[in-house]
């Protein structure tokens, strides 16, 4: 099999880009809170996902409160629920686009990102192993949970960083007081 030079260059570019990807701020949970204890949940918030929306679009939470997010995907597409600041979502969107491009993330199906290790051609991709406890993927028709303790007053977003979903409106506000 003979590979075309354009294909080789594109593949090398993708590999180099992936090798240079640093873990985005979305993977650093200390500034936005930390995983919560299921035995210490203060309240539950149901979040409905569709193609392409979140309900509710905004929520208020008290600093120190532990929330159980019950995430229900009513849509036909894979969606993500990711807690973070706007800049972390922008960085994470690039990672998600790379994962879709190289096939490490399927277009449908539910995966808890904290359990995902990504490989391309048998090679682990630097910065592409998800150990983000602030993020969960929810497949079509699926239900997942995320328990999170919000440590300090701040403004955050919850978003779907699947390519083009954030830009299409799959983002909401979290005000921590």
N, C-alpha and C. Protein backbone atom coordinates (compact mmCIF):
# COMPACT_ATOMS: atom_id res chain seq x y z
N UNK A 1 0.85 -1.17 0.00
CA UNK A 1 0.00 0.00 0.00
C UNK A 1 0.89 1.23 0.00
N UNK A 2 0.67 2.13 -0.93
CA UNK A 2 1.47 3.33 -1.03
C UNK A 2 0.68 4.50 -0.45
N UNK A 3 1.29 5.23 0.50
CA UNK A 3 0.63 6.38 1.12
C UNK A 3 0.96 7.64 0.36
N UNK A 4 0.00 8.47 0.18
CA UNK A 4 0.20 9.74 -0.51
C UNK A 4 0.89 10.73 0.42
N UNK A 5 1.76 11.59 -0.10
CA UNK A 5 2.47 12.56 0.74
C UNK A 5 1.53 13.45 1.54
N UNK A 6 0.41 13.88 0.97
CA UNK A 6 -0.53 14.75 1.70
C UNK A 6 -1.10 14.03 2.91
N UNK A 7 -1.40 12.73 2.76
CA UNK A 7 -1.93 11.94 3.87
C UNK A 7 -0.87 11.81 4.97
N UNK A 8 0.36 11.55 4.56
CA UNK A 8 1.45 11.40 5.53
C UNK A 8 1.66 12.70 6.30
N UNK A 9 1.66 13.82 5.60
CA UNK A 9 1.85 15.12 6.24
C UNK A 9 0.71 15.42 7.19
N UNK A 10 -0.52 15.16 6.76
CA UNK A 10 -1.69 15.40 7.62
C UNK A 10 -1.64 14.52 8.87
N UNK A 11 -1.27 13.27 8.70
CA UNK A 11 -1.18 12.35 9.84
C UNK A 11 -0.09 12.78 10.80
N UNK A 12 1.07 13.15 10.28
CA UNK A 12 2.16 13.63 11.13
C UNK A 12 1.75 14.90 11.87
N UNK A 13 1.04 15.78 11.19
CA UNK A 13 0.57 17.01 11.83
C UNK A 13 -0.36 16.71 12.98
N UNK A 14 -1.27 15.77 12.78
CA UNK A 14 -2.20 15.38 13.84
C UNK A 14 -1.46 14.76 15.01
N UNK A 15 -0.48 13.89 14.71
CA UNK A 15 0.31 13.28 15.79
C UNK A 15 1.10 14.32 16.57
N UNK A 16 1.73 15.25 15.87
CA UNK A 16 2.50 16.29 16.56
C UNK A 16 1.59 17.18 17.39
N UNK A 17 0.45 17.54 16.82
CA UNK A 17 -0.51 18.36 17.56
C UNK A 17 -0.98 17.63 18.81
N UNK A 18 -1.31 16.36 18.68
CA UNK A 18 -1.78 15.59 19.83
C UNK A 18 -0.69 15.45 20.88
N UNK A 19 0.54 15.28 20.44
CA UNK A 19 1.64 15.15 21.39
C UNK A 19 1.89 16.44 22.15
N UNK A 20 1.52 17.56 21.55
CA UNK A 20 1.74 18.85 22.19
C UNK A 20 0.56 19.33 23.01
N UNK A 21 -0.56 18.61 22.94
CA UNK A 21 -1.74 19.02 23.70
C UNK A 21 -1.45 18.85 25.18
N UNK A 22 -1.64 19.90 25.92
CA UNK A 22 -1.48 19.82 27.37
C UNK A 22 -2.84 19.57 27.97
N UNK A 23 -2.87 19.00 29.16
CA UNK A 23 -4.15 18.81 29.84
C UNK A 23 -4.77 20.18 30.02
N UNK A 24 -5.99 20.33 29.56
CA UNK A 24 -6.63 21.64 29.60
C UNK A 24 -7.07 21.98 31.01
N UNK A 25 -7.37 23.27 31.26
CA UNK A 25 -7.85 23.65 32.57
C UNK A 25 -9.09 22.89 32.99
N UNK A 26 -9.86 22.34 32.04
CA UNK A 26 -11.04 21.57 32.42
C UNK A 26 -10.66 20.32 33.20
N UNK A 27 -9.41 19.91 33.08
CA UNK A 27 -8.95 18.73 33.78
C UNK A 27 -8.43 19.08 35.17
N UNK A 28 -8.32 20.33 35.50
CA UNK A 28 -7.86 20.76 36.80
C UNK A 28 -9.05 21.22 37.60
N UNK A 29 -9.55 20.35 38.46
CA UNK A 29 -10.80 20.61 39.12
C UNK A 29 -10.67 21.48 40.37
N UNK A 30 -9.46 21.73 40.88
CA UNK A 30 -9.31 22.42 42.15
C UNK A 30 -9.88 23.83 42.16
N UNK A 31 -9.87 24.56 41.05
CA UNK A 31 -10.37 25.92 41.04
C UNK A 31 -11.90 25.99 40.89
N UNK A 32 -12.52 24.89 40.56
CA UNK A 32 -13.97 24.89 40.37
C UNK A 32 -14.69 24.00 41.37
N UNK A 33 -13.95 23.30 42.20
CA UNK A 33 -14.52 22.39 43.16
C UNK A 33 -13.84 21.04 43.05
N UNK A 34 -14.53 20.00 43.53
CA UNK A 34 -13.97 18.66 43.47
C UNK A 34 -15.10 17.64 43.46
N UNK A 35 -14.76 16.40 43.09
CA UNK A 35 -15.79 15.36 43.12
C UNK A 35 -16.42 15.28 44.50
N UNK A 36 -17.73 15.08 44.52
CA UNK A 36 -18.45 15.04 45.78
C UNK A 36 -18.66 13.63 46.29
N UNK A 37 -18.99 13.54 47.55
CA UNK A 37 -19.27 12.27 48.22
C UNK A 37 -20.76 11.96 48.04
N UNK A 38 -21.07 10.79 47.52
CA UNK A 38 -22.47 10.43 47.27
C UNK A 38 -23.28 10.35 48.56
N UNK A 39 -22.61 10.19 49.69
CA UNK A 39 -23.30 10.13 50.98
C UNK A 39 -23.55 11.52 51.56
N UNK A 40 -23.01 12.56 50.92
CA UNK A 40 -23.12 13.92 51.46
C UNK A 40 -23.81 14.87 50.48
N UNK A 41 -24.67 14.35 49.61
CA UNK A 41 -25.35 15.17 48.61
C UNK A 41 -26.36 16.09 49.29
N UNK A 42 -26.28 17.39 48.99
CA UNK A 42 -27.22 18.37 49.54
C UNK A 42 -28.51 18.43 48.73
N UNK A 43 -28.39 18.28 47.41
CA UNK A 43 -29.58 18.27 46.56
C UNK A 43 -29.24 17.68 45.20
N UNK A 44 -30.29 17.38 44.46
CA UNK A 44 -30.17 16.80 43.13
C UNK A 44 -30.72 17.78 42.11
N UNK A 45 -29.99 17.94 41.01
CA UNK A 45 -30.46 18.77 39.90
C UNK A 45 -30.51 17.87 38.67
N UNK A 46 -31.70 17.79 38.07
CA UNK A 46 -31.84 17.03 36.83
C UNK A 46 -31.52 17.94 35.66
N UNK A 47 -30.67 17.45 34.77
CA UNK A 47 -30.31 18.20 33.56
C UNK A 47 -30.72 17.35 32.37
N UNK A 48 -31.58 17.90 31.53
CA UNK A 48 -32.02 17.24 30.31
C UNK A 48 -31.15 17.74 29.16
N UNK A 49 -30.73 16.82 28.32
CA UNK A 49 -29.92 17.14 27.14
C UNK A 49 -30.73 16.74 25.92
N UNK A 50 -30.63 17.57 24.90
CA UNK A 50 -31.27 17.24 23.64
C UNK A 50 -30.38 17.70 22.51
N UNK A 51 -30.89 17.60 21.31
CA UNK A 51 -30.11 18.00 20.14
C UNK A 51 -30.58 19.36 19.68
N UNK A 52 -30.12 20.41 20.09
CA UNK A 52 -28.90 20.78 20.81
C UNK A 52 -29.32 21.75 21.92
N UNK A 53 -29.54 21.28 23.14
CA UNK A 53 -29.93 22.15 24.24
C UNK A 53 -29.66 21.48 25.58
N UNK A 54 -29.64 22.30 26.62
CA UNK A 54 -29.65 21.86 28.01
C UNK A 54 -30.88 22.47 28.66
N UNK A 55 -31.51 21.75 29.56
CA UNK A 55 -32.56 22.30 30.43
C UNK A 55 -32.21 21.84 31.83
N UNK A 56 -32.00 22.72 32.76
CA UNK A 56 -32.13 24.17 32.68
C UNK A 56 -30.93 24.80 31.97
N UNK A 57 -31.04 26.08 31.68
CA UNK A 57 -29.95 26.84 31.05
C UNK A 57 -29.06 27.52 32.08
N UNK A 58 -29.53 27.60 33.33
CA UNK A 58 -28.75 28.24 34.38
C UNK A 58 -29.13 27.64 35.72
N UNK A 59 -28.21 27.71 36.66
CA UNK A 59 -28.48 27.22 38.02
C UNK A 59 -27.65 28.00 39.03
N UNK A 60 -28.22 28.14 40.22
CA UNK A 60 -27.52 28.78 41.33
C UNK A 60 -27.22 27.74 42.38
N UNK A 61 -25.99 27.81 42.89
CA UNK A 61 -25.51 26.83 43.86
C UNK A 61 -24.78 27.59 44.96
N UNK A 62 -24.86 27.09 46.17
CA UNK A 62 -24.15 27.70 47.29
C UNK A 62 -22.75 27.12 47.39
N UNK A 63 -21.78 27.97 47.71
CA UNK A 63 -20.41 27.50 47.93
C UNK A 63 -20.45 26.45 49.04
N UNK A 64 -19.77 25.34 48.84
CA UNK A 64 -19.75 24.25 49.79
C UNK A 64 -20.83 23.21 49.55
N UNK A 65 -21.77 23.49 48.68
CA UNK A 65 -22.87 22.57 48.41
C UNK A 65 -22.40 21.41 47.51
N UNK A 66 -22.90 20.22 47.81
CA UNK A 66 -22.62 19.04 47.00
C UNK A 66 -23.89 18.72 46.21
N UNK A 67 -23.73 18.68 44.90
CA UNK A 67 -24.86 18.48 43.99
C UNK A 67 -24.72 17.15 43.27
N UNK A 68 -25.82 16.43 43.20
CA UNK A 68 -25.90 15.24 42.34
C UNK A 68 -26.59 15.71 41.06
N UNK A 69 -25.85 15.72 39.97
CA UNK A 69 -26.43 16.05 38.66
C UNK A 69 -26.91 14.74 38.05
N UNK A 70 -28.20 14.67 37.74
CA UNK A 70 -28.76 13.53 37.04
C UNK A 70 -28.91 14.00 35.60
N UNK A 71 -28.16 13.38 34.72
CA UNK A 71 -28.04 13.82 33.33
C UNK A 71 -28.78 12.84 32.43
N UNK A 72 -29.78 13.34 31.72
CA UNK A 72 -30.60 12.50 30.85
C UNK A 72 -30.50 13.01 29.43
N UNK A 73 -30.00 12.18 28.53
CA UNK A 73 -29.86 12.55 27.13
C UNK A 73 -31.10 12.08 26.37
N UNK A 74 -31.97 13.05 26.03
CA UNK A 74 -33.17 12.76 25.26
C UNK A 74 -32.92 12.84 23.76
N UNK A 75 -31.71 13.19 23.38
CA UNK A 75 -31.40 13.39 21.97
C UNK A 75 -30.93 12.12 21.27
N UNK A 76 -30.62 12.29 20.00
CA UNK A 76 -30.14 11.19 19.17
C UNK A 76 -28.63 11.19 19.05
N UNK A 77 -27.96 12.21 19.64
CA UNK A 77 -26.52 12.37 19.54
C UNK A 77 -25.85 12.16 20.89
N UNK A 78 -24.58 11.82 20.86
CA UNK A 78 -23.74 11.76 22.06
C UNK A 78 -23.57 13.18 22.58
N UNK A 79 -23.68 13.37 23.90
CA UNK A 79 -23.47 14.69 24.51
C UNK A 79 -22.56 14.57 25.71
N UNK A 80 -22.01 15.70 26.10
CA UNK A 80 -21.11 15.78 27.24
C UNK A 80 -21.67 16.78 28.25
N UNK A 81 -21.48 16.50 29.52
CA UNK A 81 -21.75 17.46 30.59
C UNK A 81 -20.40 17.72 31.24
N UNK A 82 -19.91 18.94 31.08
CA UNK A 82 -18.58 19.30 31.57
C UNK A 82 -18.69 20.59 32.36
N UNK A 83 -18.24 20.58 33.61
CA UNK A 83 -18.22 21.77 34.45
C UNK A 83 -16.88 22.45 34.32
N UNK A 84 -16.87 23.76 34.11
CA UNK A 84 -15.61 24.48 34.00
C UNK A 84 -15.81 25.94 33.67
N UNK A 85 -14.71 26.62 33.49
CA UNK A 85 -14.73 28.02 33.08
C UNK A 85 -14.68 28.07 31.55
N UNK A 86 -15.08 29.19 30.99
CA UNK A 86 -15.16 29.32 29.53
C UNK A 86 -13.84 28.96 28.84
N UNK A 87 -12.73 29.41 29.41
CA UNK A 87 -11.42 29.12 28.79
C UNK A 87 -11.12 27.62 28.78
N UNK A 88 -11.53 26.92 29.82
CA UNK A 88 -11.28 25.48 29.86
C UNK A 88 -12.13 24.75 28.82
N UNK A 89 -13.34 25.26 28.58
CA UNK A 89 -14.17 24.64 27.54
C UNK A 89 -13.55 24.84 26.16
N UNK A 90 -13.01 26.02 25.92
CA UNK A 90 -12.38 26.29 24.62
C UNK A 90 -11.21 25.33 24.37
N UNK A 91 -10.40 25.10 25.40
CA UNK A 91 -9.28 24.17 25.26
C UNK A 91 -9.77 22.74 25.09
N UNK A 92 -10.78 22.38 25.85
CA UNK A 92 -11.30 21.01 25.79
C UNK A 92 -11.96 20.71 24.45
N UNK A 93 -12.56 21.72 23.83
CA UNK A 93 -13.18 21.52 22.52
C UNK A 93 -12.15 21.08 21.49
N UNK A 94 -10.94 21.60 21.58
CA UNK A 94 -9.87 21.19 20.66
C UNK A 94 -9.51 19.72 20.88
N UNK A 95 -9.45 19.30 22.14
CA UNK A 95 -9.16 17.91 22.45
C UNK A 95 -10.26 16.99 21.91
N UNK A 96 -11.52 17.40 22.14
CA UNK A 96 -12.64 16.58 21.68
C UNK A 96 -12.63 16.46 20.16
N UNK A 97 -12.35 17.55 19.46
CA UNK A 97 -12.29 17.52 18.00
C UNK A 97 -11.21 16.55 17.53
N UNK A 98 -10.06 16.56 18.19
CA UNK A 98 -8.98 15.65 17.82
C UNK A 98 -9.40 14.19 18.06
N UNK A 99 -10.11 13.94 19.15
CA UNK A 99 -10.55 12.57 19.45
C UNK A 99 -11.57 12.06 18.44
N UNK A 100 -12.47 12.94 17.98
CA UNK A 100 -13.42 12.54 16.96
C UNK A 100 -12.69 12.29 15.64
N UNK A 101 -11.74 13.17 15.31
CA UNK A 101 -11.00 13.04 14.06
C UNK A 101 -10.25 11.73 13.97
N UNK A 102 -9.60 11.34 15.08
CA UNK A 102 -8.77 10.14 15.00
C UNK A 102 -9.51 8.88 15.43
N UNK A 103 -10.81 9.00 15.74
CA UNK A 103 -11.62 7.83 16.03
C UNK A 103 -11.52 7.30 17.44
N UNK A 104 -10.84 8.01 18.35
CA UNK A 104 -10.75 7.53 19.72
C UNK A 104 -12.03 7.78 20.50
N UNK A 105 -12.90 8.61 19.96
CA UNK A 105 -14.19 8.88 20.58
C UNK A 105 -15.27 8.60 19.54
N UNK A 106 -16.13 7.63 19.81
CA UNK A 106 -17.16 7.28 18.82
C UNK A 106 -18.24 8.34 18.75
N UNK A 107 -18.93 8.47 17.62
CA UNK A 107 -19.97 9.48 17.47
C UNK A 107 -21.20 9.22 18.33
N UNK A 108 -21.38 8.01 18.82
CA UNK A 108 -22.53 7.70 19.68
C UNK A 108 -22.08 6.72 20.75
N UNK A 109 -22.81 6.71 21.84
CA UNK A 109 -22.50 5.79 22.93
C UNK A 109 -22.11 6.54 24.17
N UNK A 110 -22.30 5.95 25.32
CA UNK A 110 -22.01 6.61 26.59
C UNK A 110 -20.67 6.15 27.13
N UNK A 111 -19.89 7.11 27.56
CA UNK A 111 -18.60 6.81 28.17
C UNK A 111 -18.35 7.78 29.30
N UNK A 112 -17.96 7.30 30.45
CA UNK A 112 -17.51 8.15 31.55
C UNK A 112 -16.08 8.52 31.22
N UNK A 113 -15.81 9.79 31.00
CA UNK A 113 -14.49 10.21 30.56
C UNK A 113 -13.41 9.91 31.57
N UNK A 114 -13.76 9.77 32.84
CA UNK A 114 -12.73 9.48 33.83
C UNK A 114 -12.18 8.07 33.67
N UNK A 115 -12.89 7.23 32.92
CA UNK A 115 -12.43 5.86 32.71
C UNK A 115 -11.86 5.65 31.31
N UNK A 116 -11.71 6.72 30.54
CA UNK A 116 -11.27 6.57 29.16
C UNK A 116 -9.78 6.78 29.03
N UNK A 117 -9.11 5.87 28.37
CA UNK A 117 -7.73 6.06 27.96
C UNK A 117 -7.77 6.06 26.44
N UNK A 118 -7.09 6.99 25.84
CA UNK A 118 -7.15 7.10 24.38
C UNK A 118 -5.82 6.69 23.78
N UNK A 119 -5.88 5.95 22.70
CA UNK A 119 -4.69 5.54 21.99
C UNK A 119 -4.92 5.74 20.51
N UNK A 120 -3.87 6.00 19.80
CA UNK A 120 -3.97 6.13 18.35
C UNK A 120 -2.87 5.28 17.75
N UNK A 121 -3.25 4.29 16.96
CA UNK A 121 -2.26 3.41 16.37
C UNK A 121 -1.46 2.67 17.43
N UNK A 122 -2.07 2.34 18.55
CA UNK A 122 -1.37 1.64 19.61
C UNK A 122 -0.50 2.55 20.46
N UNK A 123 -0.50 3.85 20.16
CA UNK A 123 0.35 4.79 20.88
C UNK A 123 -0.52 5.70 21.73
N UNK A 124 -0.19 5.84 22.98
CA UNK A 124 -0.94 6.73 23.85
C UNK A 124 -0.66 8.17 23.45
N UNK A 125 -1.70 8.99 23.42
CA UNK A 125 -1.55 10.38 22.99
C UNK A 125 -1.38 11.27 24.21
N UNK A 126 -0.30 12.01 24.24
CA UNK A 126 -0.05 12.91 25.37
C UNK A 126 -1.20 13.88 25.54
N UNK A 127 -1.67 14.02 26.78
CA UNK A 127 -2.74 14.95 27.08
C UNK A 127 -4.12 14.47 26.68
N UNK A 128 -4.22 13.30 26.08
CA UNK A 128 -5.51 12.84 25.59
C UNK A 128 -6.14 11.78 26.48
N UNK A 129 -5.49 11.43 27.57
CA UNK A 129 -6.11 10.49 28.49
C UNK A 129 -6.97 11.29 29.44
N UNK A 130 -8.25 10.98 29.44
CA UNK A 130 -9.18 11.76 30.25
C UNK A 130 -9.27 11.19 31.65
N UNK A 131 -8.90 12.01 32.60
CA UNK A 131 -9.08 11.65 33.99
C UNK A 131 -9.86 12.76 34.67
N UNK A 132 -10.64 13.48 33.86
CA UNK A 132 -11.39 14.62 34.36
C UNK A 132 -12.64 14.16 35.08
N UNK A 133 -12.67 14.40 36.37
CA UNK A 133 -13.83 14.01 37.15
C UNK A 133 -14.97 14.99 37.02
N UNK A 134 -14.74 16.13 36.34
CA UNK A 134 -15.76 17.15 36.16
C UNK A 134 -16.51 16.99 34.84
N UNK A 135 -16.39 15.82 34.21
CA UNK A 135 -16.95 15.63 32.89
C UNK A 135 -17.48 14.21 32.72
N UNK A 136 -18.62 14.10 32.03
CA UNK A 136 -19.17 12.79 31.71
C UNK A 136 -19.84 12.86 30.34
N UNK A 137 -19.67 11.80 29.57
CA UNK A 137 -20.34 11.68 28.28
C UNK A 137 -21.62 10.87 28.49
N UNK A 138 -22.69 11.28 27.79
CA UNK A 138 -23.98 10.62 27.94
C UNK A 138 -24.49 10.26 26.55
N UNK A 139 -24.62 8.98 26.32
CA UNK A 139 -25.09 8.49 25.02
C UNK A 139 -26.57 8.76 24.81
N UNK A 140 -27.02 8.63 23.57
CA UNK A 140 -28.44 8.83 23.26
C UNK A 140 -29.32 7.91 24.10
N UNK A 141 -30.33 8.50 24.74
CA UNK A 141 -31.25 7.74 25.56
C UNK A 141 -30.72 7.32 26.92
N UNK A 142 -29.48 7.66 27.21
CA UNK A 142 -28.84 7.21 28.46
C UNK A 142 -29.04 8.21 29.59
N UNK A 143 -28.75 7.73 30.79
CA UNK A 143 -28.82 8.53 32.01
C UNK A 143 -27.52 8.30 32.76
N UNK A 144 -26.88 9.37 33.17
CA UNK A 144 -25.64 9.30 33.94
C UNK A 144 -25.75 10.24 35.13
N UNK A 145 -24.81 10.13 36.07
CA UNK A 145 -24.77 11.03 37.22
C UNK A 145 -23.37 11.59 37.38
N UNK A 146 -23.31 12.78 37.93
CA UNK A 146 -22.06 13.43 38.31
C UNK A 146 -22.31 14.09 39.65
N UNK A 147 -21.48 13.79 40.64
CA UNK A 147 -21.61 14.39 41.96
C UNK A 147 -20.44 15.33 42.15
N UNK A 148 -20.75 16.60 42.47
CA UNK A 148 -19.72 17.63 42.53
C UNK A 148 -19.93 18.54 43.74
N UNK A 149 -18.84 18.86 44.42
CA UNK A 149 -18.86 19.83 45.52
C UNK A 149 -18.23 21.12 45.03
N UNK A 150 -19.00 22.19 45.11
CA UNK A 150 -18.55 23.51 44.67
C UNK A 150 -17.91 24.21 45.86
N UNK A 151 -16.62 24.51 45.75
CA UNK A 151 -15.87 24.97 46.91
C UNK A 151 -15.91 26.47 47.17
N UNK A 152 -16.07 27.28 46.15
CA UNK A 152 -15.98 28.73 46.35
C UNK A 152 -16.90 29.47 45.40
N UNK A 153 -17.23 30.70 45.77
CA UNK A 153 -18.06 31.53 44.90
C UNK A 153 -17.32 31.78 43.59
N UNK A 154 -18.01 31.55 42.49
CA UNK A 154 -17.43 31.74 41.17
C UNK A 154 -18.53 31.65 40.13
N UNK A 155 -18.19 31.97 38.91
CA UNK A 155 -19.11 31.76 37.78
C UNK A 155 -18.50 30.71 36.88
N UNK A 156 -19.27 29.69 36.61
CA UNK A 156 -18.84 28.57 35.77
C UNK A 156 -19.84 28.36 34.65
N UNK A 157 -19.47 27.44 33.79
CA UNK A 157 -20.38 26.99 32.74
C UNK A 157 -20.48 25.48 32.82
N UNK A 158 -21.62 24.95 32.41
CA UNK A 158 -21.71 23.53 32.09
C UNK A 158 -21.92 23.50 30.59
N UNK A 159 -21.21 22.59 29.93
CA UNK A 159 -21.21 22.63 28.47
C UNK A 159 -21.02 21.26 27.87
N UNK A 160 -21.43 21.15 26.62
CA UNK A 160 -21.14 19.99 25.80
C UNK A 160 -20.04 20.42 24.83
N UNK A 161 -18.90 19.77 24.90
CA UNK A 161 -17.75 20.15 24.07
C UNK A 161 -17.56 19.22 22.88
N UNK A 162 -18.58 18.42 22.57
CA UNK A 162 -18.57 17.65 21.33
C UNK A 162 -18.47 18.69 20.20
N UNK A 163 -17.70 18.42 19.16
CA UNK A 163 -17.53 19.43 18.11
C UNK A 163 -18.85 20.08 17.66
N UNK A 164 -18.87 21.40 17.68
CA UNK A 164 -19.95 22.29 17.25
C UNK A 164 -21.14 22.35 18.19
N UNK A 165 -21.20 21.56 19.24
CA UNK A 165 -22.35 21.59 20.15
C UNK A 165 -22.35 22.85 21.02
N UNK A 166 -21.21 23.22 21.58
CA UNK A 166 -21.11 24.43 22.41
C UNK A 166 -21.54 25.64 21.59
N UNK A 167 -21.00 25.75 20.38
CA UNK A 167 -21.30 26.88 19.50
C UNK A 167 -22.76 26.91 19.08
N UNK A 168 -23.43 25.76 19.11
CA UNK A 168 -24.84 25.68 18.74
C UNK A 168 -25.77 25.96 19.92
N UNK A 169 -25.20 26.23 21.09
CA UNK A 169 -26.01 26.60 22.24
C UNK A 169 -26.03 25.62 23.39
N UNK A 170 -25.24 24.57 23.33
CA UNK A 170 -25.22 23.60 24.44
C UNK A 170 -24.26 24.07 25.52
N UNK A 171 -24.67 25.15 26.19
CA UNK A 171 -23.88 25.72 27.28
C UNK A 171 -24.85 26.41 28.24
N UNK A 172 -24.55 26.33 29.51
CA UNK A 172 -25.37 26.97 30.52
C UNK A 172 -24.50 27.59 31.61
N UNK A 173 -25.10 28.40 32.44
CA UNK A 173 -24.37 29.12 33.51
C UNK A 173 -24.57 28.45 34.86
N UNK A 174 -23.51 28.43 35.65
CA UNK A 174 -23.56 28.00 37.04
C UNK A 174 -23.02 29.16 37.87
N UNK A 175 -23.87 29.72 38.70
CA UNK A 175 -23.47 30.80 39.60
C UNK A 175 -23.31 30.18 40.99
N UNK A 176 -22.09 30.22 41.51
CA UNK A 176 -21.83 29.71 42.86
C UNK A 176 -21.69 30.91 43.77
N UNK A 177 -22.56 31.02 44.79
CA UNK A 177 -22.58 32.16 45.71
C UNK A 177 -22.09 31.76 47.07
